[in-house]
């Protein structure tokens, strides 16, 4: 998941594939208000922002357990270093 950089991105990220009507019911607001929050023509109340932040916070441990891209990159980097060190040991003239 990308880190949202605005109110609209935050709300759209948490809404996901749910319709605006469905998500508006979850938030306890009208669909038209939700649309304005997402378009950033209206500031969302703190209750909406807090709901969305909590939803994202709940997903973070799940993403960590699934292995975030940085973990894969670090594993790959370690493998490359190991391979270079092995190559250096086997054929010092080439490295």
C-alpha atoms as a PDB file:
ATOM      1  CA  UNK A   1       0.000   0.000   0.000  1.00  0.00           C
ATOM      2  CA  UNK A   2       1.217   3.444  -0.862  1.00  0.00           C
ATOM      3  CA  UNK A   3       1.254   5.986   1.936  1.00  0.00           C
ATOM      4  CA  UNK A   4      -1.542   8.504   1.317  1.00  0.00           C
ATOM      5  CA  UNK A   5      -0.327  12.088   0.983  1.00  0.00           C
ATOM      6  CA  UNK A   6      -3.647  13.928   1.198  1.00  0.00           C
ATOM      7  CA  UNK A   7      -7.083  13.690   2.753  1.00  0.00           C
ATOM      8  CA  UNK A   8      -8.578  12.474  -0.513  1.00  0.00           C
ATOM      9  CA  UNK A   9      -5.930   9.783  -1.009  1.00  0.00           C
ATOM     10  CA  UNK A  10      -6.346   8.638   2.589  1.00  0.00           C
ATOM     11  CA  UNK A  11     -10.095   8.228   2.255  1.00  0.00           C
ATOM     12  CA  UNK A  12      -9.931   6.603  -1.200  1.00  0.00           C
ATOM     13  CA  UNK A  13      -7.245   4.187   0.014  1.00  0.00           C
ATOM     14  CA  UNK A  14      -9.351   3.042   2.941  1.00  0.00           C
ATOM     15  CA  UNK A  15     -12.558   2.927   0.876  1.00  0.00           C
ATOM     16  CA  UNK A  16     -10.828   0.610  -1.567  1.00  0.00           C
ATOM     17  CA  UNK A  17     -13.259  -1.046  -3.956  1.00  0.00           C
ATOM     18  CA  UNK A  18     -16.331  -0.246  -1.888  1.00  0.00           C
ATOM     19  CA  UNK A  19     -18.788   2.173  -3.461  1.00  0.00           C
ATOM     20  CA  UNK A  20     -19.011   5.695  -2.114  1.00  0.00           C
ATOM     21  CA  UNK A  21     -22.553   4.963  -0.915  1.00  0.00           C
ATOM     22  CA  UNK A  22     -21.463   1.882   0.996  1.00  0.00           C
ATOM     23  CA  UNK A  23     -18.451   3.577   2.566  1.00  0.00           C
ATOM     24  CA  UNK A  24     -20.483   6.699   3.413  1.00  0.00           C
ATOM     25  CA  UNK A  25     -22.896   4.483   5.386  1.00  0.00           C
ATOM     26  CA  UNK A  26     -19.910   3.013   7.243  1.00  0.00           C
ATOM     27  CA  UNK A  27     -18.732   6.522   8.108  1.00  0.00           C
ATOM     28  CA  UNK A  28     -22.218   7.772   8.949  1.00  0.00           C
ATOM     29  CA  UNK A  29     -22.311  10.529   6.332  1.00  0.00           C
ATOM     30  CA  UNK A  30     -23.991  11.243   2.997  1.00  0.00           C
ATOM     31  CA  UNK A  31     -22.454   9.987  -0.228  1.00  0.00           C
ATOM     32  CA  UNK A  32     -22.264  13.580  -1.474  1.00  0.00           C
ATOM     33  CA  UNK A  33     -20.215  14.559   1.617  1.00  0.00           C
ATOM     34  CA  UNK A  34     -17.891  11.622   1.073  1.00  0.00           C
ATOM     35  CA  UNK A  35     -17.417  12.704  -2.524  1.00  0.00           C
ATOM     36  CA  UNK A  36     -16.481  16.219  -1.377  1.00  0.00           C
ATOM     37  CA  UNK A  37     -14.061  14.788   1.212  1.00  0.00           C
ATOM     38  CA  UNK A  38     -12.407  12.672  -1.485  1.00  0.00           C
ATOM     39  CA  UNK A  39     -12.227  15.621  -3.901  1.00  0.00           C
ATOM     40  CA  UNK A  40     -10.916  17.781  -1.061  1.00  0.00           C
ATOM     41  CA  UNK A  41     -13.529  20.460  -1.663  1.00  0.00           C
ATOM     42  CA  UNK A  42     -14.640  19.920   1.940  1.00  0.00           C
ATOM     43  CA  UNK A  43     -12.485  19.160   4.943  1.00  0.00           C
ATOM     44  CA  UNK A  44     -13.349  15.824   6.515  1.00  0.00           C
ATOM     45  CA  UNK A  45     -14.192  15.825  10.215  1.00  0.00           C
ATOM     46  CA  UNK A  46     -11.634  14.361  12.586  1.00  0.00           C
ATOM     47  CA  UNK A  47     -13.872  11.323  13.139  1.00  0.00           C
ATOM     48  CA  UNK A  48     -13.524  10.399   9.431  1.00  0.00           C
ATOM     49  CA  UNK A  49      -9.761  11.019   9.392  1.00  0.00           C
ATOM     50  CA  UNK A  50      -9.319   9.011  12.600  1.00  0.00           C
ATOM     51  CA  UNK A  51     -11.394   6.129  11.206  1.00  0.00           C
ATOM     52  CA  UNK A  52      -9.224   6.035   8.090  1.00  0.00           C
ATOM     53  CA  UNK A  53      -5.966   6.276  10.057  1.00  0.00           C
ATOM     54  CA  UNK A  54      -7.051   3.397  12.292  1.00  0.00           C
ATOM     55  CA  UNK A  55      -7.920   1.297   9.249  1.00  0.00           C
ATOM     56  CA  UNK A  56      -4.472   1.890   7.762  1.00  0.00           C
ATOM     57  CA  UNK A  57      -2.760   1.224  11.099  1.00  0.00           C
ATOM     58  CA  UNK A  58      -4.488  -2.172  11.262  1.00  0.00           C
ATOM     59  CA  UNK A  59      -3.101  -3.096   7.837  1.00  0.00           C
ATOM     60  CA  UNK A  60       0.528  -2.281   8.653  1.00  0.00           C
ATOM     61  CA  UNK A  61       1.238  -5.391  10.800  1.00  0.00           C
ATOM     62  CA  UNK A  62      -0.338  -7.553   8.074  1.00  0.00           C
ATOM     63  CA  UNK A  63       1.906  -6.010   5.414  1.00  0.00           C
ATOM     64  CA  UNK A  64       4.978  -6.487   7.572  1.00  0.00           C
ATOM     65  CA  UNK A  65       4.171 -10.155   8.077  1.00  0.00           C
ATOM     66  CA  UNK A  66       3.642 -10.537   4.317  1.00  0.00           C
ATOM     67  CA  UNK A  67       7.044  -8.973   3.666  1.00  0.00           C
ATOM     68  CA  UNK A  68       7.188  -5.428   2.459  1.00  0.00           C
ATOM     69  CA  UNK A  69       9.225  -4.587  -0.679  1.00  0.00           C
ATOM     70  CA  UNK A  70      12.078  -3.207   1.438  1.00  0.00           C
ATOM     71  CA  UNK A  71      12.521  -6.645   3.024  1.00  0.00           C
ATOM     72  CA  UNK A  72      12.787  -8.266  -0.393  1.00  0.00           C
ATOM     73  CA  UNK A  73      15.257  -5.598  -1.529  1.00  0.00           C
ATOM     74  CA  UNK A  74      17.409  -6.142   1.565  1.00  0.00           C
ATOM     75  CA  UNK A  75      17.437  -9.923   1.010  1.00  0.00           C
ATOM     76  CA  UNK A  76      18.413  -9.365  -2.609  1.00  0.00           C
ATOM     77  CA  UNK A  77      21.205  -6.959  -1.611  1.00  0.00           C
ATOM     78  CA  UNK A  78      22.600  -9.494   0.862  1.00  0.00           C
ATOM     79  CA  UNK A  79      22.549 -12.183  -1.826  1.00  0.00           C
ATOM     80  CA  UNK A  80      24.435  -9.898  -4.221  1.00  0.00           C
ATOM     81  CA  UNK A  81      27.069  -9.072  -1.596  1.00  0.00           C
ATOM     82  CA  UNK A  82      27.464 -12.761  -0.791  1.00  0.00           C
ATOM     83  CA  UNK A  83      27.847 -13.601  -4.499  1.00  0.00           C
ATOM     84  CA  UNK A  84      30.446 -10.848  -5.009  1.00  0.00           C
ATOM     85  CA  UNK A  85      32.434 -11.979  -1.980  1.00  0.00           C
ATOM     86  CA  UNK A  86      32.329 -15.575  -3.215  1.00  0.00           C
ATOM     87  CA  UNK A  87      33.424 -14.472  -6.686  1.00  0.00           C
ATOM     88  CA  UNK A  88      36.275 -12.496  -5.162  1.00  0.00           C
ATOM     89  CA  UNK A  89      37.435 -15.557  -3.230  1.00  0.00           C
ATOM     90  CA  UNK A  90      37.218 -17.876  -6.224  1.00  0.00           C
ATOM     91  CA  UNK A  91      38.714 -15.494  -8.780  1.00  0.00           C
ATOM     92  CA  UNK A  92      40.425 -12.473  -7.171  1.00  0.00           C
ATOM     93  CA  UNK A  93      41.758 -11.111 -10.489  1.00  0.00           C
ATOM     94  CA  UNK A  94      38.289 -10.542 -11.933  1.00  0.00           C
ATOM     95  CA  UNK A  95      36.911  -8.466  -9.052  1.00  0.00           C
END
